[in-house]
Each structure stands twice: as structure tokens, then as C-alpha cells.
C-alpha atoms as a PDB file:
ATOM      1  CA  UNK A   1      17.695   0.712   6.654  1.00  0.00           C
ATOM      2  CA  UNK A   2      16.042   2.997   9.235  1.00  0.00           C
ATOM      3  CA  UNK A   3      12.287   3.061   9.845  1.00  0.00           C
ATOM      4  CA  UNK A   4      10.700   6.027  11.538  1.00  0.00           C
ATOM      5  CA  UNK A   5       7.011   6.600  12.286  1.00  0.00           C
ATOM      6  CA  UNK A   6       6.006  10.153  11.368  1.00  0.00           C
ATOM      7  CA  UNK A   7       2.698  11.280  13.195  1.00  0.00           C
ATOM      8  CA  UNK A   8      -0.021  12.786  11.232  1.00  0.00           C
ATOM      9  CA  UNK A   9       0.061  16.058  13.087  1.00  0.00           C
ATOM     10  CA  UNK A  10       2.421  18.726  14.258  1.00  0.00           C
ATOM     11  CA  UNK A  11       4.910  17.459  16.900  1.00  0.00           C
ATOM     12  CA  UNK A  12       4.446  20.931  18.658  1.00  0.00           C
ATOM     13  CA  UNK A  13       1.050  19.906  19.963  1.00  0.00           C
ATOM     14  CA  UNK A  14      -1.157  17.082  20.812  1.00  0.00           C
ATOM     15  CA  UNK A  15      -3.896  15.532  18.245  1.00  0.00           C
ATOM     16  CA  UNK A  16      -6.649  17.104  20.202  1.00  0.00           C
ATOM     17  CA  UNK A  17      -5.142  20.472  19.771  1.00  0.00           C
ATOM     18  CA  UNK A  18      -4.281  19.817  16.116  1.00  0.00           C
ATOM     19  CA  UNK A  19      -7.963  18.606  15.400  1.00  0.00           C
ATOM     20  CA  UNK A  20      -9.406  21.917  17.193  1.00  0.00           C
ATOM     21  CA  UNK A  21      -7.026  24.141  15.284  1.00  0.00           C
ATOM     22  CA  UNK A  22      -7.950  22.578  11.898  1.00  0.00           C
ATOM     23  CA  UNK A  23     -11.749  22.072  12.521  1.00  0.00           C
ATOM     24  CA  UNK A  24     -13.239  25.067  10.540  1.00  0.00           C
ATOM     25  CA  UNK A  25     -10.848  24.333   7.461  1.00  0.00           C
ATOM     26  CA  UNK A  26     -11.550  20.559   7.758  1.00  0.00           C
ATOM     27  CA  UNK A  27     -15.459  21.327   7.782  1.00  0.00           C
ATOM     28  CA  UNK A  28     -15.158  23.670   4.745  1.00  0.00           C
ATOM     29  CA  UNK A  29     -12.900  21.212   2.664  1.00  0.00           C
ATOM     30  CA  UNK A  30     -14.761  18.090   3.972  1.00  0.00           C
ATOM     31  CA  UNK A  31     -11.661  16.217   5.022  1.00  0.00           C
ATOM     32  CA  UNK A  32      -9.350  15.822   7.872  1.00  0.00           C
ATOM     33  CA  UNK A  33      -5.937  17.432   7.773  1.00  0.00           C
ATOM     34  CA  UNK A  34      -4.547  15.917  10.953  1.00  0.00           C
ATOM     35  CA  UNK A  35      -4.882  12.686  12.380  1.00  0.00           C
ATOM     36  CA  UNK A  36      -3.449   9.243  12.522  1.00  0.00           C
ATOM     37  CA  UNK A  37      -4.464   8.430   9.002  1.00  0.00           C
ATOM     38  CA  UNK A  38      -2.064  11.341   7.870  1.00  0.00           C
ATOM     39  CA  UNK A  39       0.893   9.324   9.478  1.00  0.00           C
ATOM     40  CA  UNK A  40       3.695   7.920   7.448  1.00  0.00           C
ATOM     41  CA  UNK A  41       6.676   5.955   7.737  1.00  0.00           C
ATOM     42  CA  UNK A  42       9.906   7.457   6.850  1.00  0.00           C
ATOM     43  CA  UNK A  43      12.565   5.085   5.343  1.00  0.00           C
ATOM     44  CA  UNK A  44      16.301   5.951   5.337  1.00  0.00           C
ATOM     45  CA  UNK A  45      19.295   4.180   4.027  1.00  0.00           C
ATOM     46  CA  UNK A  46      22.763   5.194   5.140  1.00  0.00           C
ATOM     47  CA  UNK A  47      21.230   8.444   6.614  1.00  0.00           C
ATOM     48  CA  UNK A  48      19.412   9.512   3.370  1.00  0.00           C
ATOM     49  CA  UNK A  49      15.850   9.375   2.450  1.00  0.00           C
ATOM     50  CA  UNK A  50      15.204   5.996   0.814  1.00  0.00           C
ATOM     51  CA  UNK A  51      13.599   7.570  -2.299  1.00  0.00           C
ATOM     52  CA  UNK A  52      16.816   9.347  -3.124  1.00  0.00           C
ATOM     53  CA  UNK A  53      18.963   6.290  -2.826  1.00  0.00           C
ATOM     54  CA  UNK A  54      16.781   3.542  -4.204  1.00  0.00           C
ATOM     55  CA  UNK A  55      15.518   3.055  -7.594  1.00  0.00           C
ATOM     56  CA  UNK A  56      11.617   3.016  -8.229  1.00  0.00           C
ATOM     57  CA  UNK A  57      11.837  -1.021  -8.387  1.00  0.00           C
ATOM     58  CA  UNK A  58      13.767  -0.980  -5.201  1.00  0.00           C
ATOM     59  CA  UNK A  59      11.433   1.254  -3.534  1.00  0.00           C
ATOM     60  CA  UNK A  60       8.259  -1.012  -4.741  1.00  0.00           C
ATOM     61  CA  UNK A  61      10.066  -3.979  -3.222  1.00  0.00           C
ATOM     62  CA  UNK A  62      10.539  -2.420   0.201  1.00  0.00           C
ATOM     63  CA  UNK A  63       6.716  -1.354   0.148  1.00  0.00           C
ATOM     64  CA  UNK A  64       5.988  -4.768  -0.839  1.00  0.00           C
ATOM     65  CA  UNK A  65       8.065  -6.369   1.826  1.00  0.00           C
ATOM     66  CA  UNK A  66       6.495  -4.022   4.491  1.00  0.00           C
ATOM     67  CA  UNK A  67       2.819  -4.794   3.143  1.00  0.00           C
ATOM     68  CA  UNK A  68       3.268  -8.550   3.280  1.00  0.00           C
ATOM     69  CA  UNK A  69       4.831  -8.318   6.781  1.00  0.00           C
ATOM     70  CA  UNK A  70       1.742  -6.277   7.898  1.00  0.00           C
ATOM     71  CA  UNK A  71      -0.853  -8.820   6.384  1.00  0.00           C
ATOM     72  CA  UNK A  72       1.061 -11.740   7.918  1.00  0.00           C
ATOM     73  CA  UNK A  73       1.252 -10.002  11.295  1.00  0.00           C
ATOM     74  CA  UNK A  74      -2.721  -9.124  10.991  1.00  0.00           C
ATOM     75  CA  UNK A  75      -3.455 -12.453  10.069  1.00  0.00           C
ATOM     76  CA  UNK A  76      -1.537 -14.154  12.825  1.00  0.00           C
ATOM     77  CA  UNK A  77      -2.579 -11.972  15.541  1.00  0.00           C
ATOM     78  CA  UNK A  78      -6.382 -11.767  14.744  1.00  0.00           C
ATOM     79  CA  UNK A  79      -7.067 -14.625  12.407  1.00  0.00           C
ATOM     80  CA  UNK A  80      -8.429 -12.324   9.912  1.00  0.00           C
ATOM     81  CA  UNK A  81      -8.031 -13.058   6.234  1.00  0.00           C
ATOM     82  CA  UNK A  82      -7.070  -9.864   4.489  1.00  0.00           C
ATOM     83  CA  UNK A  83      -8.215  -8.671   1.410  1.00  0.00           C
ATOM     84  CA  UNK A  84      -5.311  -7.389  -0.652  1.00  0.00           C
ATOM     85  CA  UNK A  85      -5.676  -4.618  -3.296  1.00  0.00           C
ATOM     86  CA  UNK A  86      -2.864  -4.730  -5.967  1.00  0.00           C
ATOM     87  CA  UNK A  87      -2.563  -1.748  -8.520  1.00  0.00           C
ATOM     88  CA  UNK A  88      -0.362  -3.079 -11.476  1.00  0.00           C
ATOM     89  CA  UNK A  89       2.071  -5.133  -9.513  1.00  0.00           C
ATOM     90  CA  UNK A  90       4.025  -5.965 -12.525  1.00  0.00           C
ATOM     91  CA  UNK A  91       5.181  -2.211 -12.852  1.00  0.00           C
ATOM     92  CA  UNK A  92       8.646  -1.674 -12.102  1.00  0.00           C
ATOM     93  CA  UNK A  93       9.440  -5.270 -11.301  1.00  0.00           C
ATOM     94  CA  UNK A  94      11.523  -7.559 -13.445  1.00  0.00           C
ATOM     95  CA  UNK A  95      10.370 -11.117 -14.064  1.00  0.00           C
ATOM     96  CA  UNK A  96      12.164 -12.934 -11.257  1.00  0.00           C
ATOM     97  CA  UNK A  97      11.084 -10.309  -8.626  1.00  0.00           C
ATOM     98  CA  UNK A  98       7.560 -10.307  -9.732  1.00  0.00           C
ATOM     99  CA  UNK A  99       7.571 -14.162  -9.465  1.00  0.00           C
ATOM    100  CA  UNK A 100       8.971 -14.097  -5.745  1.00  0.00           C
ATOM    101  CA  UNK A 101       6.270 -11.517  -5.029  1.00  0.00           C
ATOM    102  CA  UNK A 102       3.620 -13.429  -6.567  1.00  0.00           C
ATOM    103  CA  UNK A 103       4.732 -16.630  -4.435  1.00  0.00           C
ATOM    104  CA  UNK A 104       4.645 -14.476  -1.341  1.00  0.00           C
ATOM    105  CA  UNK A 105       1.181 -13.242  -1.881  1.00  0.00           C
ATOM    106  CA  UNK A 106      -0.050 -16.750  -2.882  1.00  0.00           C
ATOM    107  CA  UNK A 107       1.233 -17.856   0.700  1.00  0.00           C
ATOM    108  CA  UNK A 108      -0.996 -15.078   2.361  1.00  0.00           C
ATOM    109  CA  UNK A 109      -4.033 -17.072   1.053  1.00  0.00           C
ATOM    110  CA  UNK A 110      -5.966 -13.767   1.211  1.00  0.00           C
ATOM    111  CA  UNK A 111      -8.606 -12.319  -1.121  1.00  0.00           C
ATOM    112  CA  UNK A 112      -7.114 -10.623  -3.960  1.00  0.00           C
ATOM    113  CA  UNK A 113      -8.220  -7.688  -6.196  1.00  0.00           C
ATOM    114  CA  UNK A 114      -5.685  -7.072  -8.938  1.00  0.00           C
ATOM    115  CA  UNK A 115      -5.837  -4.350 -11.401  1.00  0.00           C
ATOM    116  CA  UNK A 116      -3.454  -4.465 -14.334  1.00  0.00           C
ATOM    117  CA  UNK A 117      -2.616  -3.553 -17.863  1.00  0.00           C
ATOM    118  CA  UNK A 118      -0.136  -6.523 -18.312  1.00  0.00           C
ATOM    119  CA  UNK A 119      -0.742 -10.156 -19.020  1.00  0.00           C
ATOM    120  CA  UNK A 120       1.479 -10.957 -16.061  1.00  0.00           C
ATOM    121  CA  UNK A 121      -1.642 -10.643 -13.943  1.00  0.00           C
ATOM    122  CA  UNK A 122      -2.413 -14.160 -14.938  1.00  0.00           C
ATOM    123  CA  UNK A 123       0.456 -15.340 -12.808  1.00  0.00           C
ATOM    124  CA  UNK A 124      -1.920 -15.037  -9.878  1.00  0.00           C
ATOM    125  CA  UNK A 125      -4.055 -18.065 -11.471  1.00  0.00           C
ATOM    126  CA  UNK A 126      -7.192 -17.877 -13.108  1.00  0.00           C
ATOM    127  CA  UNK A 127      -9.401 -15.260 -11.555  1.00  0.00           C
ATOM    128  CA  UNK A 128     -12.831 -16.145 -10.348  1.00  0.00           C
ATOM    129  CA  UNK A 129     -14.162 -13.194 -12.153  1.00  0.00           C
ATOM    130  CA  UNK A 130     -12.819 -10.826 -14.431  1.00  0.00           C
ATOM    131  CA  UNK A 131     -14.033  -7.239 -15.226  1.00  0.00           C
ATOM    132  CA  UNK A 132     -13.158  -4.613 -17.809  1.00  0.00           C
ATOM    133  CA  UNK A 133     -13.455  -1.169 -17.565  1.00  0.00           C
ATOM    134  CA  UNK A 134     -13.945   1.042 -20.903  1.00  0.00           C
ATOM    135  CA  UNK A 135     -15.261   4.316 -21.402  1.00  0.00           C
ATOM    136  CA  UNK A 136     -16.192   4.744 -17.620  1.00  0.00           C
ATOM    137  CA  UNK A 137     -18.385   1.554 -17.613  1.00  0.00           C
ATOM    138  CA  UNK A 138     -17.578  -1.803 -15.876  1.00  0.00           C
ATOM    139  CA  UNK A 139     -18.277  -4.892 -17.690  1.00  0.00           C
ATOM    140  CA  UNK A 140     -18.132  -8.358 -16.546  1.00  0.00           C
ATOM    141  CA  UNK A 141     -15.847 -10.597 -18.934  1.00  0.00           C
END
């Protein structure tokens, strides 16, 4: 698997040039169109984009592995305990892969915020607090 960083602005100029060029549009739309926040990591497998080769579940596993690696690096280099936000971690993962994922997350010993439509979220243990969103209102459960 190949990883390539794709910067968040045109490779034909500098970041400063890109910011200057898009400033009027950015102010009008109230967002920044160019910058490091627009960067990405392109994954390729056997010379083809990973999204064309891997199933959705496999793509999720790659994303999870990268995320866990980043969190470990952050913790090891800075001593910072990360907060991990997980949106429906059970989606597209079979039972065995979900269990392994949960084991890795548990080893991180981080603050965890999980949204889920599935009972599998209980695999993370008993939550300190649980909330329910219904009709646009958040209620403590």
C-alpha cells in the first residue's frame, strides 16, 4: 500500500499565493478553500486508488489503523490523552474485526465519544453517561 500526502492547495503555487487568490471567495462564503486543513492522504494499492480496490469494510479498517497509529503517536510524543469520536464503529465491520478494533481502542485509554444505532456500542463497556437524541432534542438517559 502506498501513502501519499496531497496538500490542500494547488501545487502550482505557494500556500500564500493560494490564500491570496481565494480570499474574496473565502470571505463571501465564510470558509477557507485552500490550506493544510484541505490536505488529504491518497492511498493506492497495486498502483490503483484504494477505494477502487478495497471493499467498504476494508477501507474502514485501513482508516481505523491509521487513526489508531496517529493517536498512539500523539500520546507517545506529547503525553496528551486524546479524545476519540467514533460515529457508528460497527458499520461495515464484522464481529471479529469489530472486537479487534474495540481491543485496540481500549488500549489507547482515551476519552471516548461514540454514536451508534447498534447495541454493539456496549462492547466499549458501560458508558459513564448516555444521551439520546430525538426530534432534535438531546436527553440524558
